[in-house]
Amino acid sequence: MSKANEATKNTKTTKVAKPKTPTWRIVLRWLVPVFLLIGLMSGMIVGYVVFGKRSINEVFHWETWKHVLDLVFAPS
């Protein structure tokens, strides 16, 4: 056999190992957005209920946050 035939034969039989993604990376890709969402929700609750002394029922109403945005971005 020639060296060219051996080289092509060796490349056909060897398998290229695909690197596996570690499980912890997959978990982190899901946990980071979940923790950010939990942080946002708890920040809204603490800011509105504890500091604003309002009802917790009003925290998740769109009208409440529309009013807050109107107050923040109102022309002076």
C-alpha atoms as a PDB file:
ATOM      1  CA  MET A   1       0.000   0.000   0.000  1.00  0.00           C
ATOM      2  CA  SER A   2       1.111   3.476  -0.615  1.00  0.00           C
ATOM      3  CA  LYS A   3       1.361   6.107   2.090  1.00  0.00           C
ATOM      4  CA  ALA A   4      -1.489   8.099   0.550  1.00  0.00           C
ATOM      5  CA  ASN A   5      -3.847   5.126   0.872  1.00  0.00           C
ATOM      6  CA  GLU A   6      -2.849   4.578   4.499  1.00  0.00           C
ATOM      7  CA  ALA A   7      -3.451   8.244   5.316  1.00  0.00           C
ATOM      8  CA  THR A   8      -6.952   8.213   3.841  1.00  0.00           C
ATOM      9  CA  LYS A   9      -7.717   4.903   5.512  1.00  0.00           C
ATOM     10  CA  ASN A  10      -6.678   6.252   8.927  1.00  0.00           C
ATOM     11  CA  THR A  11      -8.796   9.385   8.581  1.00  0.00           C
ATOM     12  CA  LYS A  12     -11.870   7.362   7.702  1.00  0.00           C
ATOM     13  CA  THR A  13     -11.616   5.048  10.691  1.00  0.00           C
ATOM     14  CA  THR A  14     -10.868   7.634  13.372  1.00  0.00           C
ATOM     15  CA  LYS A  15     -13.871   9.324  14.891  1.00  0.00           C
ATOM     16  CA  VAL A  16     -13.731  12.932  15.871  1.00  0.00           C
ATOM     17  CA  ALA A  17     -15.026  13.267  19.418  1.00  0.00           C
ATOM     18  CA  LYS A  18     -17.612  16.011  19.751  1.00  0.00           C
ATOM     19  CA  PRO A  19     -16.977  17.932  22.955  1.00  0.00           C
ATOM     20  CA  LYS A  20     -19.873  17.470  25.354  1.00  0.00           C
ATOM     21  CA  THR A  21     -21.356  20.430  27.121  1.00  0.00           C
ATOM     22  CA  PRO A  22     -21.101  19.917  30.866  1.00  0.00           C
ATOM     23  CA  THR A  23     -24.398  19.591  32.692  1.00  0.00           C
ATOM     24  CA  TRP A  24     -23.618  22.499  35.004  1.00  0.00           C
ATOM     25  CA  ARG A  25     -23.371  24.841  31.997  1.00  0.00           C
ATOM     26  CA  ILE A  26     -26.826  23.831  30.850  1.00  0.00           C
ATOM     27  CA  VAL A  27     -28.177  24.323  34.367  1.00  0.00           C
ATOM     28  CA  LEU A  28     -26.556  27.763  34.611  1.00  0.00           C
ATOM     29  CA  ARG A  29     -28.108  28.831  31.324  1.00  0.00           C
ATOM     30  CA  TRP A  30     -31.527  28.197  32.851  1.00  0.00           C
ATOM     31  CA  LEU A  31     -30.855  29.278  36.419  1.00  0.00           C
ATOM     32  CA  VAL A  32     -29.405  32.716  35.667  1.00  0.00           C
ATOM     33  CA  PRO A  33     -32.554  34.026  33.918  1.00  0.00           C
ATOM     34  CA  VAL A  34     -34.754  32.397  36.574  1.00  0.00           C
ATOM     35  CA  PHE A  35     -32.797  34.092  39.370  1.00  0.00           C
ATOM     36  CA  LEU A  36     -32.919  37.414  37.517  1.00  0.00           C
ATOM     37  CA  LEU A  37     -36.686  37.113  37.199  1.00  0.00           C
ATOM     38  CA  ILE A  38     -37.034  36.228  40.882  1.00  0.00           C
ATOM     39  CA  GLY A  39     -34.847  39.209  41.779  1.00  0.00           C
ATOM     40  CA  LEU A  40     -36.959  41.524  39.651  1.00  0.00           C
ATOM     41  CA  MET A  41     -40.197  40.284  41.193  1.00  0.00           C
ATOM     42  CA  SER A  42     -38.905  40.506  44.757  1.00  0.00           C
ATOM     43  CA  GLY A  43     -37.491  43.977  44.083  1.00  0.00           C
ATOM     44  CA  MET A  44     -40.859  45.138  42.791  1.00  0.00           C
ATOM     45  CA  ILE A  45     -42.596  43.734  45.851  1.00  0.00           C
ATOM     46  CA  VAL A  46     -40.134  45.162  48.361  1.00  0.00           C
ATOM     47  CA  GLY A  47     -40.062  48.558  46.683  1.00  0.00           C
ATOM     48  CA  TYR A  48     -43.810  48.875  46.319  1.00  0.00           C
ATOM     49  CA  VAL A  49     -45.036  47.190  49.493  1.00  0.00           C
ATOM     50  CA  VAL A  50     -42.314  47.936  52.057  1.00  0.00           C
ATOM     51  CA  PHE A  51     -41.111  51.354  50.915  1.00  0.00           C
ATOM     52  CA  GLY A  52     -44.326  52.536  49.264  1.00  0.00           C
ATOM     53  CA  LYS A  53     -46.569  51.132  51.996  1.00  0.00           C
ATOM     54  CA  ARG A  54     -49.103  49.866  49.457  1.00  0.00           C
ATOM     55  CA  SER A  55     -51.035  46.646  49.031  1.00  0.00           C
ATOM     56  CA  ILE A  56     -49.265  43.619  47.591  1.00  0.00           C
ATOM     57  CA  ASN A  57     -52.268  43.051  45.306  1.00  0.00           C
ATOM     58  CA  GLU A  58     -51.446  46.209  43.351  1.00  0.00           C
ATOM     59  CA  VAL A  59     -47.876  45.182  42.531  1.00  0.00           C
ATOM     60  CA  PHE A  60     -48.728  43.096  39.499  1.00  0.00           C
ATOM     61  CA  HIS A  61     -51.298  45.413  37.897  1.00  0.00           C
ATOM     62  CA  TRP A  62     -50.183  47.113  34.695  1.00  0.00           C
ATOM     63  CA  GLU A  63     -51.966  50.342  35.641  1.00  0.00           C
ATOM     64  CA  THR A  64     -49.748  50.711  38.707  1.00  0.00           C
ATOM     65  CA  TRP A  65     -46.517  50.590  36.725  1.00  0.00           C
ATOM     66  CA  LYS A  66     -47.920  52.735  33.930  1.00  0.00           C
ATOM     67  CA  HIS A  67     -48.655  55.390  36.541  1.00  0.00           C
ATOM     68  CA  VAL A  68     -45.137  55.064  37.986  1.00  0.00           C
ATOM     69  CA  LEU A  69     -43.584  55.418  34.519  1.00  0.00           C
ATOM     70  CA  ASP A  70     -45.767  58.436  33.802  1.00  0.00           C
ATOM     71  CA  LEU A  71     -44.548  60.050  37.007  1.00  0.00           C
ATOM     72  CA  VAL A  72     -40.887  59.307  36.294  1.00  0.00           C
ATOM     73  CA  PHE A  73     -40.892  60.485  32.685  1.00  0.00           C
ATOM     74  CA  ALA A  74     -43.309  63.397  33.079  1.00  0.00           C
ATOM     75  CA  PRO A  75     -42.108  66.687  31.582  1.00  0.00           C
ATOM     76  CA  SER A  76     -41.005  69.082  34.269  1.00  0.00           C
END
